[in-house]
Amino acid sequence: MLLLVASVCGAHLACGQSAPMNERFQQATQAMRAGHLDEAAQGFQAVTAAQPGFAEAHFNLGLVLEEQGRNEQAIASFQKALC
Protein backbone atom coordinates (compact mmCIF):
# COMPACT_ATOMS: atom_id res chain seq x y z
CA MET A 1 0.00 0.00 0.00
CA LEU A 2 2.83 2.37 0.86
CA LEU A 3 4.41 1.98 -2.56
CA LEU A 4 1.14 2.39 -4.41
CA VAL A 5 0.32 5.68 -2.72
CA ALA A 6 3.91 6.86 -3.03
CA SER A 7 3.82 6.10 -6.74
CA VAL A 8 0.65 8.10 -7.22
CA CYS A 9 1.89 11.03 -5.16
CA GLY A 10 5.35 10.91 -6.67
CA ALA A 11 3.95 11.22 -10.16
CA HIS A 12 2.06 14.44 -9.43
CA LEU A 13 4.06 17.47 -8.41
CA ALA A 14 2.36 20.54 -7.11
CA CYS A 15 2.24 23.46 -9.49
CA GLY A 16 4.52 26.32 -8.62
CA GLN A 17 7.06 24.28 -6.66
CA SER A 18 10.70 25.19 -7.19
CA ALA A 19 12.91 22.90 -9.24
CA PRO A 20 15.32 22.16 -6.35
CA MET A 21 12.43 21.19 -4.08
CA ASN A 22 10.88 19.05 -6.81
CA GLU A 23 14.23 17.29 -7.16
CA ARG A 24 14.50 16.83 -3.38
CA PHE A 25 10.92 15.51 -3.35
CA GLN A 26 11.77 12.98 -6.07
CA GLN A 27 14.89 11.86 -4.17
CA ALA A 28 12.89 11.40 -0.98
CA THR A 29 10.23 9.47 -2.88
CA GLN A 30 12.88 7.15 -4.32
CA ALA A 31 14.36 6.65 -0.84
CA MET A 32 10.88 5.78 0.47
CA ARG A 33 10.34 3.25 -2.32
CA ALA A 34 13.72 1.68 -1.56
CA GLY A 35 12.83 1.36 2.12
CA HIS A 36 15.32 4.00 3.29
CA LEU A 37 12.82 5.57 5.66
CA ASP A 38 15.19 7.82 7.63
CA GLU A 39 16.55 9.32 4.41
CA ALA A 40 13.04 9.72 3.04
CA ALA A 41 11.80 11.41 6.21
CA GLN A 42 14.70 13.87 6.15
CA GLY A 43 14.01 14.68 2.52
CA PHE A 44 10.30 15.24 2.96
CA GLN A 45 10.94 17.31 6.09
CA ALA A 46 13.33 19.52 4.12
CA VAL A 47 10.76 20.00 1.38
CA THR A 48 7.91 20.79 3.78
CA ALA A 49 10.09 23.24 5.72
CA ALA A 50 11.02 25.09 2.52
CA GLN A 51 7.54 24.90 0.99
CA PRO A 52 4.84 24.40 3.63
CA GLY A 53 2.09 24.28 1.00
CA PHE A 54 3.54 21.24 -0.80
CA ALA A 55 0.74 18.82 0.16
CA GLU A 56 2.25 15.77 -1.52
CA ALA A 57 5.41 16.12 0.58
CA HIS A 58 3.35 16.33 3.78
CA PHE A 59 1.38 13.27 2.71
CA ASN A 60 4.45 11.20 1.86
CA LEU A 61 6.12 12.30 5.09
CA GLY A 62 3.02 11.03 6.89
CA LEU A 63 3.36 7.67 5.16
CA VAL A 64 7.01 7.39 6.17
CA LEU A 65 6.31 8.40 9.76
CA GLU A 66 3.47 5.89 9.95
CA GLU A 67 5.76 3.15 8.64
CA GLN A 68 8.27 4.10 11.34
CA GLY A 69 5.59 3.78 14.02
CA ARG A 70 5.55 7.53 14.71
CA ASN A 71 1.78 7.67 14.49
CA GLU A 72 1.09 11.01 16.18
CA GLN A 73 3.59 12.75 13.93
CA ALA A 74 2.14 10.92 10.92
CA ILE A 75 -1.36 12.15 11.75
CA ALA A 76 -0.09 15.72 12.06
CA SER A 77 1.60 15.43 8.66
CA PHE A 78 -1.55 14.00 7.05
CA GLN A 79 -3.56 16.89 8.50
CA LYS A 80 -1.12 19.40 7.00
CA ALA A 81 -1.54 17.69 3.63
CA LEU A 82 -5.26 18.38 3.79
CA CYS A 83 -4.91 22.14 4.40
C-alpha atoms as a PDB file:
ATOM      1  CA  MET A   1       0.000   0.000   0.000  1.00  0.00           C
ATOM      2  CA  LEU A   2       2.825   2.366   0.862  1.00  0.00           C
ATOM      3  CA  LEU A   3       4.414   1.975  -2.558  1.00  0.00           C
ATOM      4  CA  LEU A   4       1.141   2.385  -4.413  1.00  0.00           C
ATOM      5  CA  VAL A   5       0.320   5.676  -2.722  1.00  0.00           C
ATOM      6  CA  ALA A   6       3.912   6.860  -3.033  1.00  0.00           C
ATOM      7  CA  SER A   7       3.824   6.105  -6.739  1.00  0.00           C
ATOM      8  CA  VAL A   8       0.648   8.100  -7.221  1.00  0.00           C
ATOM      9  CA  CYS A   9       1.891  11.031  -5.162  1.00  0.00           C
ATOM     10  CA  GLY A  10       5.352  10.914  -6.670  1.00  0.00           C
ATOM     11  CA  ALA A  11       3.950  11.219 -10.164  1.00  0.00           C
ATOM     12  CA  HIS A  12       2.063  14.444  -9.433  1.00  0.00           C
ATOM     13  CA  LEU A  13       4.056  17.465  -8.409  1.00  0.00           C
ATOM     14  CA  ALA A  14       2.357  20.539  -7.107  1.00  0.00           C
ATOM     15  CA  CYS A  15       2.241  23.459  -9.491  1.00  0.00           C
ATOM     16  CA  GLY A  16       4.517  26.320  -8.625  1.00  0.00           C
ATOM     17  CA  GLN A  17       7.058  24.281  -6.656  1.00  0.00           C
ATOM     18  CA  SER A  18      10.702  25.189  -7.186  1.00  0.00           C
ATOM     19  CA  ALA A  19      12.908  22.896  -9.241  1.00  0.00           C
ATOM     20  CA  PRO A  20      15.320  22.155  -6.350  1.00  0.00           C
ATOM     21  CA  MET A  21      12.431  21.192  -4.084  1.00  0.00           C
ATOM     22  CA  ASN A  22      10.879  19.046  -6.813  1.00  0.00           C
ATOM     23  CA  GLU A  23      14.232  17.286  -7.164  1.00  0.00           C
ATOM     24  CA  ARG A  24      14.497  16.830  -3.385  1.00  0.00           C
ATOM     25  CA  PHE A  25      10.916  15.512  -3.346  1.00  0.00           C
ATOM     26  CA  GLN A  26      11.773  12.976  -6.066  1.00  0.00           C
ATOM     27  CA  GLN A  27      14.888  11.862  -4.168  1.00  0.00           C
ATOM     28  CA  ALA A  28      12.892  11.402  -0.976  1.00  0.00           C
ATOM     29  CA  THR A  29      10.230   9.468  -2.882  1.00  0.00           C
ATOM     30  CA  GLN A  30      12.877   7.146  -4.319  1.00  0.00           C
ATOM     31  CA  ALA A  31      14.358   6.647  -0.841  1.00  0.00           C
ATOM     32  CA  MET A  32      10.883   5.781   0.472  1.00  0.00           C
ATOM     33  CA  ARG A  33      10.338   3.255  -2.323  1.00  0.00           C
ATOM     34  CA  ALA A  34      13.723   1.685  -1.558  1.00  0.00           C
ATOM     35  CA  GLY A  35      12.830   1.358   2.120  1.00  0.00           C
ATOM     36  CA  HIS A  36      15.320   4.001   3.289  1.00  0.00           C
ATOM     37  CA  LEU A  37      12.821   5.575   5.657  1.00  0.00           C
ATOM     38  CA  ASP A  38      15.185   7.821   7.629  1.00  0.00           C
ATOM     39  CA  GLU A  39      16.554   9.324   4.414  1.00  0.00           C
ATOM     40  CA  ALA A  40      13.036   9.722   3.036  1.00  0.00           C
ATOM     41  CA  ALA A  41      11.797  11.413   6.213  1.00  0.00           C
ATOM     42  CA  GLN A  42      14.697  13.871   6.154  1.00  0.00           C
ATOM     43  CA  GLY A  43      14.012  14.683   2.520  1.00  0.00           C
ATOM     44  CA  PHE A  44      10.297  15.238   2.964  1.00  0.00           C
ATOM     45  CA  GLN A  45      10.939  17.312   6.092  1.00  0.00           C
ATOM     46  CA  ALA A  46      13.327  19.522   4.123  1.00  0.00           C
ATOM     47  CA  VAL A  47      10.758  19.997   1.384  1.00  0.00           C
ATOM     48  CA  THR A  48       7.909  20.794   3.776  1.00  0.00           C
ATOM     49  CA  ALA A  49      10.094  23.243   5.719  1.00  0.00           C
ATOM     50  CA  ALA A  50      11.019  25.089   2.521  1.00  0.00           C
ATOM     51  CA  GLN A  51       7.537  24.904   0.988  1.00  0.00           C
ATOM     52  CA  PRO A  52       4.840  24.397   3.630  1.00  0.00           C
ATOM     53  CA  GLY A  53       2.085  24.283   0.997  1.00  0.00           C
ATOM     54  CA  PHE A  54       3.538  21.239  -0.799  1.00  0.00           C
ATOM     55  CA  ALA A  55       0.738  18.822   0.158  1.00  0.00           C
ATOM     56  CA  GLU A  56       2.252  15.770  -1.518  1.00  0.00           C
ATOM     57  CA  ALA A  57       5.411  16.118   0.576  1.00  0.00           C
ATOM     58  CA  HIS A  58       3.355  16.331   3.783  1.00  0.00           C
ATOM     59  CA  PHE A  59       1.377  13.270   2.711  1.00  0.00           C
ATOM     60  CA  ASN A  60       4.453  11.204   1.860  1.00  0.00           C
ATOM     61  CA  LEU A  61       6.116  12.301   5.092  1.00  0.00           C
ATOM     62  CA  GLY A  62       3.025  11.033   6.894  1.00  0.00           C
ATOM     63  CA  LEU A  63       3.361   7.673   5.156  1.00  0.00           C
ATOM     64  CA  VAL A  64       7.007   7.387   6.173  1.00  0.00           C
ATOM     65  CA  LEU A  65       6.306   8.397   9.760  1.00  0.00           C
ATOM     66  CA  GLU A  66       3.466   5.892   9.953  1.00  0.00           C
ATOM     67  CA  GLU A  67       5.757   3.151   8.643  1.00  0.00           C
ATOM     68  CA  GLN A  68       8.268   4.104  11.344  1.00  0.00           C
ATOM     69  CA  GLY A  69       5.587   3.776  14.024  1.00  0.00           C
ATOM     70  CA  ARG A  70       5.552   7.526  14.711  1.00  0.00           C
ATOM     71  CA  ASN A  71       1.780   7.671  14.492  1.00  0.00           C
ATOM     72  CA  GLU A  72       1.088  11.012  16.184  1.00  0.00           C
ATOM     73  CA  GLN A  73       3.586  12.748  13.929  1.00  0.00           C
ATOM     74  CA  ALA A  74       2.141  10.917  10.924  1.00  0.00           C
ATOM     75  CA  ILE A  75      -1.364  12.153  11.749  1.00  0.00           C
ATOM     76  CA  ALA A  76      -0.090  15.716  12.055  1.00  0.00           C
ATOM     77  CA  SER A  77       1.598  15.429   8.664  1.00  0.00           C
ATOM     78  CA  PHE A  78      -1.551  14.004   7.046  1.00  0.00           C
ATOM     79  CA  GLN A  79      -3.556  16.888   8.504  1.00  0.00           C
ATOM     80  CA  LYS A  80      -1.123  19.399   7.004  1.00  0.00           C
ATOM     81  CA  ALA A  81      -1.540  17.687   3.632  1.00  0.00           C
ATOM     82  CA  LEU A  82      -5.262  18.381   3.791  1.00  0.00           C
ATOM     83  CA  CYS A  83      -4.907  22.137   4.398  1.00  0.00           C
END
